[in-house]
Amino acid sequence: LLHKGEHENHFLLQVEPPKRVTPDLIPPRDYVFVLDIS
Protein backbone atom coordinates (compact mmCIF):
# COMPACT_ATOMS: atom_id res chain seq x y z
CA LEU A 1 0.00 0.00 0.00
CA LEU A 2 1.28 3.48 -0.89
CA HIS A 3 0.39 6.93 0.38
CA LYS A 4 1.64 10.03 -1.39
CA GLY A 5 1.57 12.92 1.06
CA GLU A 6 2.18 16.65 0.77
CA HIS A 7 5.64 16.42 2.34
CA GLU A 8 6.38 12.70 2.78
CA ASN A 9 5.37 9.42 1.17
CA HIS A 10 4.73 6.27 3.20
CA PHE A 11 4.31 2.57 2.43
CA LEU A 12 2.98 -0.50 4.21
CA LEU A 13 4.25 -3.82 2.85
CA GLN A 14 2.96 -7.26 3.82
CA VAL A 15 4.84 -10.24 2.39
CA GLU A 16 3.64 -13.82 2.78
CA PRO A 17 6.52 -15.92 4.13
CA PRO A 18 7.55 -19.32 2.74
CA LYS A 19 5.70 -22.39 3.97
CA ARG A 20 6.92 -23.83 7.24
CA VAL A 21 9.36 -26.73 6.77
CA THR A 22 9.86 -28.95 9.80
CA PRO A 23 13.28 -30.63 9.67
CA ASP A 24 13.60 -34.30 10.60
CA LEU A 25 16.49 -33.57 12.94
CA ILE A 26 15.78 -30.91 15.55
CA PRO A 27 18.65 -30.31 18.00
CA PRO A 28 17.88 -31.07 21.66
CA ARG A 29 16.38 -28.16 23.53
CA ASP A 30 16.15 -26.99 27.12
CA TYR A 31 12.94 -25.35 28.34
CA VAL A 32 12.38 -23.31 31.49
CA PHE A 33 8.69 -22.77 32.18
CA VAL A 34 7.96 -19.74 34.38
CA LEU A 35 4.49 -19.89 35.98
CA ASP A 36 2.73 -16.93 37.66
CA ILE A 37 0.86 -18.02 40.83
CA SER A 38 0.17 -14.53 42.21
All heavy atoms as atom14 arrays in JSON, in Angstrom:
{
  "sequence": "LLHKGEHENHFLLQVEPPKRVTPDLIPPRDYVFVLDIS",
  "atom14_mask": [
    [1, 1, 1, 1, 1, 1, 1, 1, 0, 0, 0, 0, 0, 0],
    [1, 1, 1, 1, 1, 1, 1, 1, 0, 0, 0, 0, 0, 0],
    [1, 1, 1, 1, 1, 1, 1, 1, 1, 1, 0, 0, 0, 0],
    [1, 1, 1, 1, 1, 1, 1, 1, 1, 0, 0, 0, 0, 0],
    [1, 1, 1, 1, 0, 0, 0, 0, 0, 0, 0, 0, 0, 0],
    [1, 1, 1, 1, 1, 1, 1, 1, 1, 0, 0, 0, 0, 0],
    [1, 1, 1, 1, 1, 1, 1, 1, 1, 1, 0, 0, 0, 0],
    [1, 1, 1, 1, 1, 1, 1, 1, 1, 0, 0, 0, 0, 0],
    [1, 1, 1, 1, 1, 1, 1, 1, 0, 0, 0, 0, 0, 0],
    [1, 1, 1, 1, 1, 1, 1, 1, 1, 1, 0, 0, 0, 0],
    [1, 1, 1, 1, 1, 1, 1, 1, 1, 1, 1, 0, 0, 0],
    [1, 1, 1, 1, 1, 1, 1, 1, 0, 0, 0, 0, 0, 0],
    [1, 1, 1, 1, 1, 1, 1, 1, 0, 0, 0, 0, 0, 0],
    [1, 1, 1, 1, 1, 1, 1, 1, 1, 0, 0, 0, 0, 0],
    [1, 1, 1, 1, 1, 1, 1, 0, 0, 0, 0, 0, 0, 0],
    [1, 1, 1, 1, 1, 1, 1, 1, 1, 0, 0, 0, 0, 0],
    [1, 1, 1, 1, 1, 1, 1, 0, 0, 0, 0, 0, 0, 0],
    [1, 1, 1, 1, 1, 1, 1, 0, 0, 0, 0, 0, 0, 0],
    [1, 1, 1, 1, 1, 1, 1, 1, 1, 0, 0, 0, 0, 0],
    [1, 1, 1, 1, 1, 1, 1, 1, 1, 1, 1, 0, 0, 0],
    [1, 1, 1, 1, 1, 1, 1, 0, 0, 0, 0, 0, 0, 0],
    [1, 1, 1, 1, 1, 1, 1, 0, 0, 0, 0, 0, 0, 0],
    [1, 1, 1, 1, 1, 1, 1, 0, 0, 0, 0, 0, 0, 0],
    [1, 1, 1, 1, 1, 1, 1, 1, 0, 0, 0, 0, 0, 0],
    [1, 1, 1, 1, 1, 1, 1, 1, 0, 0, 0, 0, 0, 0],
    [1, 1, 1, 1, 1, 1, 1, 1, 0, 0, 0, 0, 0, 0],
    [1, 1, 1, 1, 1, 1, 1, 0, 0, 0, 0, 0, 0, 0],
    [1, 1, 1, 1, 1, 1, 1, 0, 0, 0, 0, 0, 0, 0],
    [1, 1, 1, 1, 1, 1, 1, 1, 1, 1, 1, 0, 0, 0],
    [1, 1, 1, 1, 1, 1, 1, 1, 0, 0, 0, 0, 0, 0],
    [1, 1, 1, 1, 1, 1, 1, 1, 1, 1, 1, 1, 0, 0],
    [1, 1, 1, 1, 1, 1, 1, 0, 0, 0, 0, 0, 0, 0],
    [1, 1, 1, 1, 1, 1, 1, 1, 1, 1, 1, 0, 0, 0],
    [1, 1, 1, 1, 1, 1, 1, 0, 0, 0, 0, 0, 0, 0],
    [1, 1, 1, 1, 1, 1, 1, 1, 0, 0, 0, 0, 0, 0],
    [1, 1, 1, 1, 1, 1, 1, 1, 0, 0, 0, 0, 0, 0],
    [1, 1, 1, 1, 1, 1, 1, 1, 0, 0, 0, 0, 0, 0],
    [1, 1, 1, 1, 1, 1, 0, 0, 0, 0, 0, 0, 0, 0]
  ],
  "atom14_positions": [
    [[0.85, -1.18, 0.0], [0.0, 0.0, 0.0], [0.89, 1.24, 0.0], [1.89, 1.29, 0.72], [-0.91, 0.02, 1.23], [-1.98, -1.08, 1.34], [-2.77, -0.91, 2.64], [-2.92, -1.07, 0.15], [0.0, 0.0, 0.0], [0.0, 0.0, 0.0], [0.0, 0.0, 0.0], [0.0, 0.0, 0.0], [0.0, 0.0, 0.0], [0.0, 0.0, 0.0]],
    [[0.5, 2.24, -0.79], [1.28, 3.48, -0.89], [0.41, 4.67, -0.51], [-0.79, 4.7, -0.79], [1.81, 3.68, -2.31], [2.73, 2.6, -2.89], [3.05, 2.92, -4.34], [4.01, 2.48, -2.07], [0.0, 0.0, 0.0], [0.0, 0.0, 0.0], [0.0, 0.0, 0.0], [0.0, 0.0, 0.0], [0.0, 0.0, 0.0], [0.0, 0.0, 0.0]],
    [[1.06, 5.66, 0.13], [0.39, 6.93, 0.38], [1.31, 8.06, -0.02], [2.44, 8.17, 0.49], [0.01, 7.08, 1.86], [-0.65, 8.4, 2.15], [-1.93, 8.69, 1.76], [-0.19, 9.52, 2.78], [-2.24, 9.92, 2.14], [-1.2, 10.45, 2.76], [0.0, 0.0, 0.0], [0.0, 0.0, 0.0], [0.0, 0.0, 0.0], [0.0, 0.0, 0.0]],
    [[0.85, 8.89, -0.93], [1.64, 10.03, -1.39], [1.13, 11.26, -0.65], [0.01, 11.74, -0.88], [1.51, 10.21, -2.9], [2.53, 11.16, -3.5], [2.5, 11.11, -5.03], [3.53, 12.04, -5.64], [4.93, 11.67, -5.29], [0.0, 0.0, 0.0], [0.0, 0.0, 0.0], [0.0, 0.0, 0.0], [0.0, 0.0, 0.0], [0.0, 0.0, 0.0]],
    [[1.97, 11.78, 0.25], [1.57, 12.92, 1.06], [2.11, 14.23, 0.52], [2.84, 14.27, -0.48], [0.0, 0.0, 0.0], [0.0, 0.0, 0.0], [0.0, 0.0, 0.0], [0.0, 0.0, 0.0], [0.0, 0.0, 0.0], [0.0, 0.0, 0.0], [0.0, 0.0, 0.0], [0.0, 0.0, 0.0], [0.0, 0.0, 0.0], [0.0, 0.0, 0.0]],
    [[1.75, 15.32, 1.2], [2.18, 16.65, 0.77], [3.68, 16.83, 0.95], [4.35, 17.46, 0.12], [1.42, 17.71, 1.56], [1.71, 19.13, 1.11], [0.87, 20.15, 1.86], [-0.08, 19.73, 2.59], [1.14, 21.35, 1.74], [0.0, 0.0, 0.0], [0.0, 0.0, 0.0], [0.0, 0.0, 0.0], [0.0, 0.0, 0.0], [0.0, 0.0, 0.0]],
    [[4.22, 16.26, 2.05], [5.64, 16.42, 2.34], [6.4, 15.1, 2.34], [7.6, 15.08, 2.07], [5.83, 17.11, 3.7], [5.15, 18.45, 3.79], [5.56, 19.55, 3.06], [4.06, 18.85, 4.51], [4.77, 20.58, 3.33], [3.85, 20.18, 4.21], [0.0, 0.0, 0.0], [0.0, 0.0, 0.0], [0.0, 0.0, 0.0], [0.0, 0.0, 0.0]],
    [[5.72, 14.01, 2.7], [6.38, 12.7, 2.78], [5.47, 11.64, 2.18], [4.24, 11.78, 2.18], [6.7, 12.33, 4.23], [7.77, 13.17, 4.89], [8.06, 12.7, 6.3], [7.11, 12.3, 7.01], [9.24, 12.73, 6.71], [0.0, 0.0, 0.0], [0.0, 0.0, 0.0], [0.0, 0.0, 0.0], [0.0, 0.0, 0.0], [0.0, 0.0, 0.0]],
    [[6.1, 10.57, 1.69], [5.37, 9.42, 1.17], [5.62, 8.22, 2.08], [6.76, 8.01, 2.54], [5.81, 9.08, -0.25], [5.71, 10.27, -1.19], [4.79, 11.08, -1.09], [6.67, 10.39, -2.1], [0.0, 0.0, 0.0], [0.0, 0.0, 0.0], [0.0, 0.0, 0.0], [0.0, 0.0, 0.0], [0.0, 0.0, 0.0], [0.0, 0.0, 0.0]],
    [[4.59, 7.42, 2.31], [4.73, 6.27, 3.2], [4.24, 5.0, 2.51], [3.39, 5.06, 1.61], [3.94, 6.49, 4.5], [4.49, 7.58, 5.36], [4.22, 8.91, 5.13], [5.31, 7.53, 6.45], [4.84, 9.65, 6.04], [5.51, 8.83, 6.84], [0.0, 0.0, 0.0], [0.0, 0.0, 0.0], [0.0, 0.0, 0.0], [0.0, 0.0, 0.0]],
    [[4.76, 3.86, 2.96], [4.31, 2.57, 2.43], [4.08, 1.59, 3.56], [4.65, 1.7, 4.65], [5.32, 2.0, 1.42], [6.61, 1.49, 2.02], [6.71, 0.19, 2.53], [7.74, 2.31, 2.08], [7.89, -0.28, 3.07], [8.92, 1.84, 2.62], [9.0, 0.55, 3.12], [0.0, 0.0, 0.0], [0.0, 0.0, 0.0], [0.0, 0.0, 0.0]],
    [[3.22, 0.63, 3.31], [2.98, -0.5, 4.21], [3.05, -1.76, 3.35], [2.24, -1.95, 2.44], [1.62, -0.4, 4.89], [1.22, -1.58, 5.79], [2.12, -1.64, 7.02], [-0.24, -1.46, 6.23], [0.0, 0.0, 0.0], [0.0, 0.0, 0.0], [0.0, 0.0, 0.0], [0.0, 0.0, 0.0], [0.0, 0.0, 0.0], [0.0, 0.0, 0.0]],
    [[4.02, -2.61, 3.65], [4.25, -3.82, 2.85], [3.99, -5.06, 3.7], [4.49, -5.17, 4.83], [5.7, -3.83, 2.35], [6.16, -5.11, 1.62], [5.36, -5.33, 0.35], [7.66, -5.02, 1.31], [0.0, 0.0, 0.0], [0.0, 0.0, 0.0], [0.0, 0.0, 0.0], [0.0, 0.0, 0.0], [0.0, 0.0, 0.0], [0.0, 0.0, 0.0]],
    [[3.19, -5.98, 3.17], [2.96, -7.26, 3.82], [3.34, -8.37, 2.84], [2.78, -8.45, 1.74], [1.5, -7.39, 4.26], [1.1, -6.32, 5.27], [-0.25, -6.57, 5.89], [-0.38, -7.31, 6.86], [-1.28, -5.94, 5.34], [0.0, 0.0, 0.0], [0.0, 0.0, 0.0], [0.0, 0.0, 0.0], [0.0, 0.0, 0.0], [0.0, 0.0, 0.0]],
    [[4.31, -9.19, 3.26], [4.84, -10.24, 2.39], [4.55, -11.59, 3.03], [4.91, -11.83, 4.19], [6.37, -10.07, 2.19], [6.91, -11.2, 1.34], [6.66, -8.71, 1.55], [0.0, 0.0, 0.0], [0.0, 0.0, 0.0], [0.0, 0.0, 0.0], [0.0, 0.0, 0.0], [0.0, 0.0, 0.0], [0.0, 0.0, 0.0], [0.0, 0.0, 0.0]],
    [[3.92, -12.48, 2.27], [3.64, -13.82, 2.78], [4.94, -14.6, 2.84], [5.69, -14.68, 1.86], [2.64, -14.54, 1.89], [2.16, -15.86, 2.46], [1.01, -16.45, 1.66], [0.67, -15.89, 0.6], [0.46, -17.47, 2.1], [0.0, 0.0, 0.0], [0.0, 0.0, 0.0], [0.0, 0.0, 0.0], [0.0, 0.0, 0.0], [0.0, 0.0, 0.0]],
    [[5.27, -15.19, 4.0], [6.52, -15.92, 4.13], [6.45, -17.28, 3.45], [5.37, -17.74, 3.06], [6.66, -16.08, 5.65], [5.25, -16.16, 6.13], [4.47, -15.23, 5.23], [0.0, 0.0, 0.0], [0.0, 0.0, 0.0], [0.0, 0.0, 0.0], [0.0, 0.0, 0.0], [0.0, 0.0, 0.0], [0.0, 0.0, 0.0], [0.0, 0.0, 0.0]],
    [[7.58, -17.96, 3.31], [7.55, -19.32, 2.74], [6.83, -20.27, 3.68], [6.67, -19.99, 4.87], [9.04, -19.67, 2.62], [9.73, -18.81, 3.63], [8.95, -17.52, 3.67], [0.0, 0.0, 0.0], [0.0, 0.0, 0.0], [0.0, 0.0, 0.0], [0.0, 0.0, 0.0], [0.0, 0.0, 0.0], [0.0, 0.0, 0.0], [0.0, 0.0, 0.0]],
    [[6.38, -21.4, 3.14], [5.7, -22.39, 3.97], [6.66, -22.96, 5.01], [7.85, -23.11, 4.76], [5.14, -23.52, 3.11], [4.08, -23.07, 2.1], [2.85, -22.51, 2.82], [1.78, -22.11, 1.82], [0.61, -21.49, 2.5], [0.0, 0.0, 0.0], [0.0, 0.0, 0.0], [0.0, 0.0, 0.0], [0.0, 0.0, 0.0], [0.0, 0.0, 0.0]],
    [[6.09, -23.26, 6.18], [6.92, -23.83, 7.24], [7.44, -25.2, 6.82], [6.69, -26.04, 6.32], [6.13, -23.95, 8.53], [6.97, -24.48, 9.71], [6.12, -24.62, 10.96], [5.57, -23.34, 11.38], [6.25, -22.42, 12.04], [7.53, -22.63, 12.33], [5.68, -21.3, 12.41], [0.0, 0.0, 0.0], [0.0, 0.0, 0.0], [0.0, 0.0, 0.0]],
    [[8.73, -25.44, 7.05], [9.36, -26.73, 6.77], [9.91, -27.26, 8.09], [10.78, -26.63, 8.7], [10.49, -26.61, 5.73], [11.14, -27.96, 5.51], [9.94, -26.06, 4.42], [0.0, 0.0, 0.0], [0.0, 0.0, 0.0], [0.0, 0.0, 0.0], [0.0, 0.0, 0.0], [0.0, 0.0, 0.0], [0.0, 0.0, 0.0], [0.0, 0.0, 0.0]],
    [[9.39, -28.38, 8.55], [9.86, -28.95, 9.8], [10.96, -29.97, 9.51], [10.71, -30.99, 8.88], [8.72, -29.64, 10.56], [7.66, -28.7, 10.76], [9.19, -30.17, 11.9], [0.0, 0.0, 0.0], [0.0, 0.0, 0.0], [0.0, 0.0, 0.0], [0.0, 0.0, 0.0], [0.0, 0.0, 0.0], [0.0, 0.0, 0.0], [0.0, 0.0, 0.0]],
    [[12.19, -29.7, 9.94], [13.28, -30.63, 9.67], [13.12, -31.93, 10.45], [12.52, -31.96, 11.52], [14.52, -29.86, 10.13], [14.02, -28.89, 11.14], [12.62, -28.52, 10.7], [0.0, 0.0, 0.0], [0.0, 0.0, 0.0], [0.0, 0.0, 0.0], [0.0, 0.0, 0.0], [0.0, 0.0, 0.0], [0.0, 0.0, 0.0], [0.0, 0.0, 0.0]],
    [[13.66, -33.01, 9.91], [13.6, -34.3, 10.6], [14.45, -34.3, 11.86], [14.1, -34.93, 12.86], [14.06, -35.42, 9.67], [13.12, -35.6, 8.48], [11.92, -35.32, 8.65], [13.6, -35.99, 7.4], [0.0, 0.0, 0.0], [0.0, 0.0, 0.0], [0.0, 0.0, 0.0], [0.0, 0.0, 0.0], [0.0, 0.0, 0.0], [0.0, 0.0, 0.0]],
    [[15.57, -33.6, 11.81], [16.49, -33.57, 12.94], [16.44, -32.2, 13.61], [16.91, -31.22, 13.05], [17.92, -33.89, 12.49], [18.14, -35.28, 11.9], [19.57, -35.42, 11.4], [17.81, -36.36, 12.93], [0.0, 0.0, 0.0], [0.0, 0.0, 0.0], [0.0, 0.0, 0.0], [0.0, 0.0, 0.0], [0.0, 0.0, 0.0], [0.0, 0.0, 0.0]],
    [[15.82, -32.14, 14.78], [15.78, -30.91, 15.55], [16.75, -31.08, 16.72], [16.69, -32.07, 17.44], [14.36, -30.64, 16.08], [13.38, -30.52, 14.91], [14.32, -29.4, 16.94], [11.95, -30.38, 15.35], [0.0, 0.0, 0.0], [0.0, 0.0, 0.0], [0.0, 0.0, 0.0], [0.0, 0.0, 0.0], [0.0, 0.0, 0.0], [0.0, 0.0, 0.0]],
    [[17.68, -30.16, 16.91], [18.65, -30.31, 18.0], [17.94, -30.33, 19.35], [16.87, -29.73, 19.51], [19.54, -29.07, 17.86], [18.72, -28.1, 17.09], [17.88, -28.91, 16.18], [0.0, 0.0, 0.0], [0.0, 0.0, 0.0], [0.0, 0.0, 0.0], [0.0, 0.0, 0.0], [0.0, 0.0, 0.0], [0.0, 0.0, 0.0], [0.0, 0.0, 0.0]],
    [[18.51, -31.02, 20.33], [17.88, -31.07, 21.66], [17.75, -29.68, 22.25], [18.62, -28.83, 22.08], [18.83, -31.95, 22.47], [20.13, -31.94, 21.73], [19.78, -31.77, 20.3], [0.0, 0.0, 0.0], [0.0, 0.0, 0.0], [0.0, 0.0, 0.0], [0.0, 0.0, 0.0], [0.0, 0.0, 0.0], [0.0, 0.0, 0.0], [0.0, 0.0, 0.0]],
    [[16.67, -29.47, 22.96], [16.38, -28.16, 23.53], [16.2, -28.25, 25.04], [15.87, -29.32, 25.58], [15.12, -27.56, 22.88], [15.28, -27.22, 21.41], [13.97, -26.72, 20.83], [14.12, -26.34, 19.42], [14.39, -25.11, 18.99], [14.54, -24.14, 19.87], [14.51, -24.85, 17.71], [0.0, 0.0, 0.0], [0.0, 0.0, 0.0], [0.0, 0.0, 0.0]],
    [[16.39, -27.1, 25.68], [16.15, -26.99, 27.12], [15.08, -25.93, 27.33], [15.18, -24.82, 26.78], [17.45, -26.58, 27.84], [17.21, -26.39, 29.33], [16.78, -27.35, 29.98], [17.46, -25.27, 29.84], [0.0, 0.0, 0.0], [0.0, 0.0, 0.0], [0.0, 0.0, 0.0], [0.0, 0.0, 0.0], [0.0, 0.0, 0.0], [0.0, 0.0, 0.0]],
    [[14.04, -26.27, 28.09], [12.94, -25.35, 28.34], [12.87, -25.02, 29.82], [12.96, -25.91, 30.67], [11.61, -25.98, 27.91], [11.52, -26.28, 26.43], [11.93, -27.52, 25.93], [11.03, -25.34, 25.54], [11.85, -27.8, 24.58], [10.95, -25.61, 24.18], [11.36, -26.84, 23.71], [11.29, -27.11, 22.36], [0.0, 0.0, 0.0], [0.0, 0.0, 0.0]],
    [[12.67, -23.74, 30.12], [12.38, -23.31, 31.49], [11.01, -22.65, 31.47], [10.83, -21.6, 30.85], [13.44, -22.34, 32.04], [13.09, -21.94, 33.47], [14.83, -22.96, 31.99], [0.0, 0.0, 0.0], [0.0, 0.0, 0.0], [0.0, 0.0, 0.0], [0.0, 0.0, 0.0], [0.0, 0.0, 0.0], [0.0, 0.0, 0.0], [0.0, 0.0, 0.0]],
    [[10.04, -23.3, 32.12], [8.69, -22.77, 32.18], [8.55, -21.92, 33.44], [8.84, -22.39, 34.55], [7.68, -23.92, 32.21], [7.74, -24.8, 30.99], [8.44, -26.01, 31.0], [7.12, -24.42, 29.81], [8.5, -26.81, 29.88], [7.18, -25.21, 28.67], [7.88, -26.42, 28.7], [0.0, 0.0, 0.0], [0.0, 0.0, 0.0], [0.0, 0.0, 0.0]],
    [[8.09, -20.69, 33.27], [7.96, -19.74, 34.38], [6.47, -19.47, 34.59], [5.8, -18.9, 33.72], [8.71, -18.43, 34.08], [8.6, -17.47, 35.26], [10.18, -18.72, 33.77], [0.0, 0.0, 0.0], [0.0, 0.0, 0.0], [0.0, 0.0, 0.0], [0.0, 0.0, 0.0], [0.0, 0.0, 0.0], [0.0, 0.0, 0.0], [0.0, 0.0, 0.0]],
    [[5.93, -19.9, 35.73], [4.49, -19.89, 35.98], [4.13, -18.88, 37.07], [4.64, -18.93, 38.19], [4.03, -21.29, 36.4], [2.56, -21.44, 36.82], [1.64, -21.13, 35.65], [2.3, -22.86, 37.34], [0.0, 0.0, 0.0], [0.0, 0.0, 0.0], [0.0, 0.0, 0.0], [0.0, 0.0, 0.0], [0.0, 0.0, 0.0], [0.0, 0.0, 0.0]],
    [[3.23, -17.95, 36.74], [2.73, -16.93, 37.66], [1.66, -17.56, 38.55], [0.65, -18.06, 38.07], [2.14, -15.78, 36.83], [1.62, -14.63, 37.68], [1.6, -14.74, 38.91], [1.22, -13.61, 37.08], [0.0, 0.0, 0.0], [0.0, 0.0, 0.0], [0.0, 0.0, 0.0], [0.0, 0.0, 0.0], [0.0, 0.0, 0.0], [0.0, 0.0, 0.0]],
    [[1.87, -17.52, 39.89], [0.86, -18.02, 40.83], [0.45, -16.91, 41.8], [0.08, -17.18, 42.94], [1.37, -19.26, 41.6], [2.66, -18.94, 42.37], [1.59, -20.44, 40.67], [3.06, -20.03, 43.35], [0.0, 0.0, 0.0], [0.0, 0.0, 0.0], [0.0, 0.0, 0.0], [0.0, 0.0, 0.0], [0.0, 0.0, 0.0], [0.0, 0.0, 0.0]],
    [[0.52, -15.66, 41.35], [0.17, -14.53, 42.21], [-1.34, -14.48, 42.42], [-2.11, -15.23, 41.81], [0.65, -13.22, 41.57], [0.01, -13.01, 40.33], [0.0, 0.0, 0.0], [0.0, 0.0, 0.0], [0.0, 0.0, 0.0], [0.0, 0.0, 0.0], [0.0, 0.0, 0.0], [0.0, 0.0, 0.0], [0.0, 0.0, 0.0], [0.0, 0.0, 0.0]]
  ]
}
